[in-house]
Protein backbone atom coordinates (compact mmCIF):
# COMPACT_ATOMS: atom_id res chain seq x y z
CA MET A 1 -5.56 4.22 -0.82
CA LEU A 2 -2.81 5.50 1.34
CA ILE A 3 -1.82 9.24 0.08
CA GLN A 4 -4.53 11.73 0.95
CA ALA A 5 -2.95 15.08 0.74
CA ASP A 6 -5.07 17.73 0.22
CA GLU A 7 -2.14 18.98 -2.35
CA ALA A 8 1.07 17.70 -3.69
CA ILE A 9 4.56 17.84 -1.57
CA LEU A 10 7.36 18.93 -3.35
CA MET A 11 10.88 18.18 -2.81
CA GLU A 12 13.94 19.36 -4.23
CA GLN A 13 16.39 17.04 -6.32
CA ASP A 14 19.05 16.44 -3.67
CA GLU A 15 16.10 16.86 -0.14
CA ASP A 16 16.80 14.17 2.87
CA LEU A 17 14.29 14.24 5.04
CA ALA A 18 15.72 12.05 7.12
CA LEU A 19 17.80 14.76 8.22
CA THR A 20 14.92 16.90 10.05
CA VAL A 21 14.16 14.10 12.05
CA ILE A 22 17.76 12.61 12.89
CA GLY A 23 19.81 14.83 12.05
CA GLY A 24 23.76 14.28 13.12
CA PRO A 25 23.90 10.66 13.56
CA TRP A 26 22.23 10.40 9.72
CA ARG A 27 24.82 12.99 8.30
CA GLU A 28 27.61 11.27 9.70
CA PHE A 29 26.70 7.34 8.71
CA LYS A 30 26.21 8.82 4.84
CA LYS A 31 29.95 9.75 5.01
CA THR A 32 30.97 6.38 6.12
CA ILE A 33 29.38 4.59 2.85
CA PRO A 34 29.50 5.15 -0.59
CA GLU A 35 27.48 8.06 -2.23
CA VAL A 36 25.61 5.73 -4.26
CA GLN A 37 24.25 3.73 -1.26
CA ALA A 38 23.43 6.74 0.58
CA LYS A 39 21.59 8.23 -2.08
CA VAL A 40 19.44 4.71 -2.02
CA LEU A 41 18.80 4.76 1.79
CA VAL A 42 17.88 8.88 1.23
CA ASP A 43 15.47 8.01 -1.32
CA ALA A 44 13.76 5.21 0.49
CA PHE A 45 13.58 7.34 3.65
CA ASN A 46 12.06 10.64 1.53
CA LEU A 47 9.43 7.63 0.52
CA ILE A 48 8.76 6.63 4.28
CA LEU A 49 8.42 10.30 5.32
CA LEU A 50 6.50 11.90 2.19
CA THR A 51 4.09 8.94 2.58
CA ASP A 52 3.57 9.68 6.36
CA SER A 53 3.57 13.04 6.09
CA SER A 54 0.93 13.36 3.80
CA ASN A 55 -1.63 11.35 6.25
CA PRO A 56 -0.94 13.35 9.40
CA VAL A 57 -2.75 11.50 12.42
CA ASN A 58 -5.23 13.30 15.04
CA ASN A 59 -4.37 17.06 13.10
CA GLU A 60 -7.60 18.19 13.76
CA GLU A 61 -6.68 20.91 16.00
CA GLN A 62 -3.50 21.76 13.75
CA PRO A 63 -3.55 22.39 10.58
CA LEU A 64 -1.20 20.73 7.82
CA ASP A 65 2.33 21.86 7.93
CA GLU A 66 4.77 20.16 5.83
CA ASP A 67 7.60 21.23 8.25
CA SER A 68 5.82 20.53 11.55
CA VAL A 69 4.32 16.97 9.79
CA ILE A 70 7.77 16.06 8.93
CA ALA A 71 9.35 16.94 12.37
CA ARG A 72 7.05 15.00 14.16
CA PRO A 73 6.56 11.52 11.94
CA SER A 74 3.86 8.71 12.87
CA THR A 75 6.45 5.74 11.71
CA LEU A 76 8.89 4.39 13.81
CA VAL A 77 11.50 4.17 11.01
CA PRO A 78 13.34 7.13 12.30
CA TYR A 79 13.42 6.22 16.17
CA GLN A 80 14.48 2.55 14.91
CA ILE A 81 17.46 3.80 12.53
CA SER A 82 18.22 6.85 15.37
CA ASN A 83 18.30 4.48 18.00
CA LEU A 84 20.85 1.84 16.18
CA LEU A 85 23.21 4.97 14.57
CA ILE A 86 24.52 5.92 18.27
CA ASP A 87 24.79 2.36 19.50
CA GLU A 88 28.37 2.60 19.63
CA MET A 89 28.72 -1.43 20.03
CA GLN A 90 27.24 -1.63 16.51
CA GLU A 91 29.95 -1.68 13.39
CA ILE A 92 29.59 0.58 10.85
CA SER A 93 29.42 -2.83 8.45
CA GLY A 94 26.62 -3.88 10.49
CA LYS A 95 24.71 -0.54 10.88
CA LYS A 96 24.50 -0.04 6.95
CA LEU A 97 23.02 -3.62 6.76
CA ARG A 98 20.10 -3.30 9.54
CA VAL A 99 19.54 0.25 8.13
CA TYR A 100 18.51 -1.63 4.87
CA GLU A 101 16.46 -4.12 6.35
CA ILE A 102 14.82 -2.14 8.31
CA LEU A 103 14.11 0.33 4.68
CA LEU A 104 13.57 -2.31 3.15
CA GLU A 105 10.74 -3.76 5.27
CA SER A 106 9.26 -0.59 5.81
CA VAL A 107 8.86 0.54 1.90
CA LEU A 108 7.69 -3.16 0.89
CA ASN A 109 4.88 -2.83 3.75
CA LEU A 110 4.09 0.82 2.52
CA LEU A 111 3.44 -0.61 -0.49
CA ARG A 112 1.48 -3.22 0.45
CA GLN A 113 -0.34 0.04 2.06
CA LEU A 114 -0.56 1.62 -1.47
CA GLY A 115 -2.55 -1.36 -3.49
CA PHE A 116 0.71 -2.89 -4.80
CA SER A 117 1.49 -6.83 -4.72
CA ILE A 118 5.32 -7.34 -4.75
CA ASN A 119 6.86 -10.80 -5.37
CA GLU A 120 9.01 -10.84 -2.50
CA GLU A 121 11.01 -13.90 -3.75
CA MET A 122 12.35 -11.35 -6.49
CA VAL A 123 12.83 -8.65 -3.93
CA GLN A 124 16.66 -8.34 -2.60
CA ALA A 125 18.96 -5.09 -1.56
CA GLU A 126 19.46 -4.37 -5.36
CA THR A 127 15.89 -3.84 -5.90
CA LEU A 128 15.35 -1.38 -3.11
CA PRO A 129 15.72 1.82 -5.98
CA ALA A 130 12.80 0.09 -8.00
CA LEU A 131 10.54 -0.31 -5.08
CA CYS A 132 10.92 3.06 -4.15
CA LYS A 133 10.45 4.19 -7.66
CA ILE A 134 6.82 2.53 -7.64
CA GLY A 135 5.88 4.32 -4.90
CA HIS A 136 7.82 7.97 -5.62
CA PHE A 137 5.89 7.82 -8.69
CA LEU A 138 2.41 8.97 -7.29
CA PHE A 139 4.21 11.74 -5.81
CA GLU A 140 5.38 13.10 -8.94
CA VAL A 141 2.26 13.08 -11.05
CA GLN A 142 0.38 14.87 -8.19
CA GLY A 143 -0.90 17.64 -10.21
CA TYR A 144 1.01 16.82 -13.38
CA GLN A 145 -0.13 18.03 -16.76
CA ASP A 146 -0.37 14.72 -18.42
CA LEU A 147 0.36 15.63 -22.54
CA ILE A 148 2.30 12.15 -22.94
CA GLY A 149 -0.81 10.09 -22.60
CA MET A 150 -0.74 8.03 -19.25
CA ALA A 151 -4.49 8.54 -19.10
CA GLY A 152 -5.31 6.46 -21.94
CA ILE A 153 -2.85 3.60 -20.77
CA LEU A 154 -4.93 3.63 -16.92
CA GLU A 155 -8.67 3.55 -18.48
CA SER A 156 -7.33 0.45 -20.69
CA ARG A 157 -8.82 -2.04 -18.95
CA ASP A 158 -8.30 -4.88 -21.14
CA ILE A 159 -4.40 -4.22 -19.93
CA PRO A 160 -3.70 -6.14 -16.50
CA PRO A 161 -3.49 -3.45 -14.04
CA ALA A 162 0.74 -3.83 -13.05
CA GLU A 163 0.98 -3.88 -16.47
CA ARG A 164 -0.82 -0.24 -16.86
CA TYR A 165 1.35 0.97 -14.48
CA ILE A 166 4.83 -0.16 -15.72
CA MET A 167 3.69 1.11 -19.03
CA CYS A 168 2.76 4.54 -16.88
CA LEU A 169 6.45 4.74 -15.11
CA GLN A 170 7.97 4.16 -18.98
CA LYS A 171 6.02 7.01 -20.57
CA TYR A 172 6.89 9.31 -17.22
CA TYR A 173 10.50 8.90 -17.03
CA GLY A 174 11.23 8.18 -21.26
CA GLU A 175 11.54 5.30 -23.64
CA ASP A 176 15.38 4.73 -21.76
CA PHE A 177 13.36 3.83 -18.57
CA ASP A 178 14.58 0.08 -18.12
CA VAL A 179 11.36 -1.99 -16.95
CA GLU A 180 12.42 -5.09 -16.56
CA VAL A 181 12.49 -5.04 -12.84
CA TYR A 182 9.21 -4.33 -12.45
CA TYR A 183 8.03 -6.85 -14.25
CA ASP A 184 9.81 -9.26 -12.24
CA ILE A 185 8.97 -7.52 -8.50
CA LEU A 186 5.27 -5.94 -9.53
CA ASP A 187 2.22 -8.81 -9.42
CA ASP A 188 -0.40 -6.26 -9.20
CA VAL A 189 -1.48 -3.04 -8.58
CA SER A 190 -5.04 -2.24 -7.09
CA GLU A 191 -7.46 -0.70 -9.43
CA ILE A 192 -7.93 2.02 -6.50
CA THR A 193 -4.44 2.70 -6.89
CA LEU A 194 -4.63 3.23 -10.54
CA GLN A 195 -8.15 5.24 -10.42
CA THR A 196 -6.28 7.54 -7.92
CA VAL A 197 -3.50 8.31 -10.51
CA LEU A 198 -5.72 8.58 -13.21
CA ASN A 199 -7.84 11.47 -10.99
CA ASP A 200 -4.46 13.49 -9.85
CA LEU A 201 -3.65 13.26 -13.93
CA SER A 202 -7.05 14.89 -14.54
CA GLY A 203 -7.53 17.01 -11.55
CA GLU A 204 -10.37 15.35 -9.78
CA ASN A 205 -10.75 14.94 -6.02
CA LEU A 206 -9.11 12.36 -4.00
CA SER A 207 -12.52 11.73 -2.77
CA ASP A 208 -13.56 10.52 -5.67
CA ALA A 209 -11.05 7.92 -6.38
CA LEU A 210 -13.32 4.80 -6.28
CA PRO A 211 -12.97 2.84 -9.75
CA ASP A 212 -16.58 1.64 -10.95
CA SER A 213 -15.46 -1.67 -10.64
CA LEU A 214 -15.59 -1.34 -7.13
CA ILE A 215 -18.81 0.08 -7.02
CA ALA A 216 -20.33 -2.81 -8.89
CA ARG A 217 -18.72 -5.60 -6.96
CA ILE A 218 -20.52 -4.18 -3.72
CA LYS A 219 -23.72 -3.77 -5.56
CA ALA A 220 -23.34 -7.34 -6.75
CA ASN A 221 -22.82 -9.01 -3.26
CA LYS A 222 -25.37 -6.74 -1.72
CA ASP A 223 -26.95 -9.62 -0.26
CA LEU A 224 -24.08 -11.48 0.69
CA LEU A 225 -22.42 -8.92 2.17
CA ASP A 226 -25.72 -8.57 4.83
CA GLY A 227 -25.25 -8.65 7.92
CA THR A 228 -21.44 -8.15 8.07
CA LEU A 229 -19.01 -5.60 9.44
CA ALA A 230 -18.50 -4.37 5.91
CA TRP A 231 -21.87 -3.96 5.15
CA GLN A 232 -22.38 -1.88 8.20
CA HIS A 233 -19.33 0.45 7.70
CA ILE A 234 -20.59 1.01 4.01
CA ARG A 235 -23.98 2.17 5.42
CA LEU A 236 -22.14 4.35 7.99
CA ASN A 237 -20.65 6.01 5.18
CA GLY A 238 -17.20 4.61 5.88
CA GLN A 239 -14.40 4.66 3.66
CA LEU A 240 -13.96 2.04 0.60
CA GLY A 241 -11.25 1.14 -0.95
CA GLY A 242 -9.01 1.02 2.09
CA SER A 243 -6.78 -2.33 2.03
CA LEU A 244 -7.29 -5.85 3.71
CA GLU A 245 -5.32 -5.40 6.54
CA SER A 246 -6.44 -1.86 7.67
CA PHE A 247 -10.12 -3.19 8.17
CA LEU A 248 -9.25 -6.33 9.59
CA ALA A 249 -7.13 -4.31 12.29
CA PHE A 250 -10.43 -1.35 12.77
CA PHE A 251 -12.54 -4.24 13.44
CA GLN A 252 -10.11 -6.32 15.55
CA ALA A 253 -12.24 -6.15 18.71
CA GLU A 254 -15.67 -6.85 16.58
CA LEU A 255 -13.57 -9.97 14.95
CA ALA A 256 -12.18 -11.29 18.10
CA PRO A 257 -15.41 -13.38 19.39
CA LEU A 258 -14.62 -15.23 16.15
CA THR A 259 -10.65 -15.27 15.66
CA GLN A 260 -10.10 -16.87 19.18
CA ASN A 261 -12.45 -19.45 18.16
CA LEU A 262 -12.19 -20.59 14.76
CA THR A 263 -14.12 -23.60 14.95
CA GLY A 264 -17.99 -24.85 13.70
CA ASP A 265 -20.16 -22.37 12.67
CA ASN A 266 -17.62 -19.27 14.12
CA VAL A 267 -15.55 -20.59 10.90
CA LEU A 268 -18.23 -19.54 8.61
CA ALA A 269 -19.34 -16.71 10.05
CA TYR A 270 -15.47 -15.31 10.15
CA VAL A 271 -15.50 -15.96 6.19
CA LYS A 272 -18.42 -14.09 5.24
CA GLU A 273 -17.11 -11.27 7.36
CA LEU A 274 -13.52 -11.85 5.80
CA ALA A 275 -15.27 -11.79 2.13
CA GLY A 276 -16.91 -8.56 3.62
CA PHE A 277 -13.58 -6.79 4.05
CA TYR A 278 -12.21 -8.19 0.51
CA LEU A 279 -15.33 -6.79 -1.35
CA ILE A 280 -14.99 -3.19 0.02
CA SER A 281 -10.63 -3.58 0.12
CA ASP A 282 -8.66 -2.56 -2.72
CA VAL A 283 -7.38 -5.98 -3.50
CA ASN A 284 -8.66 -6.54 -7.60
CA SER A 285 -11.53 -9.19 -7.82
CA PRO A 286 -9.89 -11.53 -9.92
CA HIS A 287 -7.78 -12.28 -6.44
CA ILE A 288 -10.28 -12.25 -4.09
CA LYS A 289 -11.81 -16.28 -4.45
CA GLU A 290 -8.18 -17.49 -4.96
CA ARG A 291 -7.17 -15.92 -1.43
CA LEU A 292 -10.18 -16.78 -0.03
CA ASN A 293 -9.99 -20.25 -0.69
CA VAL A 294 -6.33 -20.15 0.69
CA ASN A 295 -7.21 -19.02 3.72
CA ILE A 296 -10.19 -21.10 4.73
CA ASN A 297 -8.11 -24.52 3.40
CA ASN A 298 -5.61 -23.20 6.22
CA TRP A 299 -8.14 -23.09 9.05
CA ILE A 300 -10.58 -25.66 8.28
CA ASP A 301 -10.01 -29.36 8.66
CA ASP A 302 -13.89 -30.44 8.96
CA PRO A 303 -14.38 -31.34 5.04
CA VAL A 304 -18.04 -31.10 5.84
CA VAL A 305 -17.27 -27.30 7.02
CA LEU A 306 -15.08 -26.82 4.12
CA ILE A 307 -17.45 -27.21 1.58
CA LYS A 308 -19.90 -24.71 3.21
CA ALA A 309 -17.30 -22.47 3.53
CA GLU A 310 -16.14 -22.75 -0.22
CA ALA A 311 -19.77 -22.95 -1.13
CA PHE A 312 -20.26 -19.31 0.04
CA VAL A 313 -16.86 -18.44 -1.26
CA ASN A 314 -18.31 -19.31 -5.02
CA LYS A 315 -21.56 -17.46 -4.41
CA LEU A 316 -19.58 -14.27 -4.99
CA VAL A 317 -20.26 -12.14 -7.88
CA LEU A 318 -16.87 -10.85 -9.65
CA ASP A 319 -15.65 -9.82 -12.70
CA LYS A 320 -12.89 -10.96 -14.33
């Protein structure tokens, strides 16, 4: 789960955080496009910068300060857009299209890191406000006094995760809130993310956000995990429930001898390592075998090695 702020970060209704990092060029750019479109872009930019500011990097020597963090974002989006806006060779129409593309791509990447699986075939510029709403909700419920029953929805494991999240959106924003687009674009939501929302509603510490299902699947697959980098990560008390991409990036150097020569025994070793990272990640259990099988069918041409890899994947103990 990406958001790790110690306390809720609150914003004024019409606040535009991009003005603090881009300034004049952003202000002038907004004047050249319709107000409705400007509000959409501001909303997307706010989400990107809010999430960035809730995860300060290398701030051990500097205490978290909202203004200073916003003023020195680690995300490259402000720099990309700033360079674009001051480019006098670009027409306004081209700048607007490119700003939309940058923000849409960044929001999609952000949502993936936050534990959301998006049906990107259904995504277009017009869906950007809905995508932003999915992310902004995580901030808005921090410290929220739940008198409308969202916690009960989140705890209903018989309801698919994405539907639970959409039901919470409708509860929070009101019965008139149109959820049709969310059913189109939201394929899945990590149980880690849902547990974090539940903990926010109950006032629990974010460090306790791991759902029982994640702990159970790690214990159920302990023997298969033994000897993997994921198991080493567990034994060193590393953080669990992160995105698969974050684990692969963190252990890139250790995995390089395998990934640079995906043949024979290296493939089987890598499948085991990948399975370990899936097991400790935010990917929901019903999708793990499916995704692993897609991977190994893309990598392996040798039918004997493929049978061995599939046999290993089928040994994983996963709830439905």
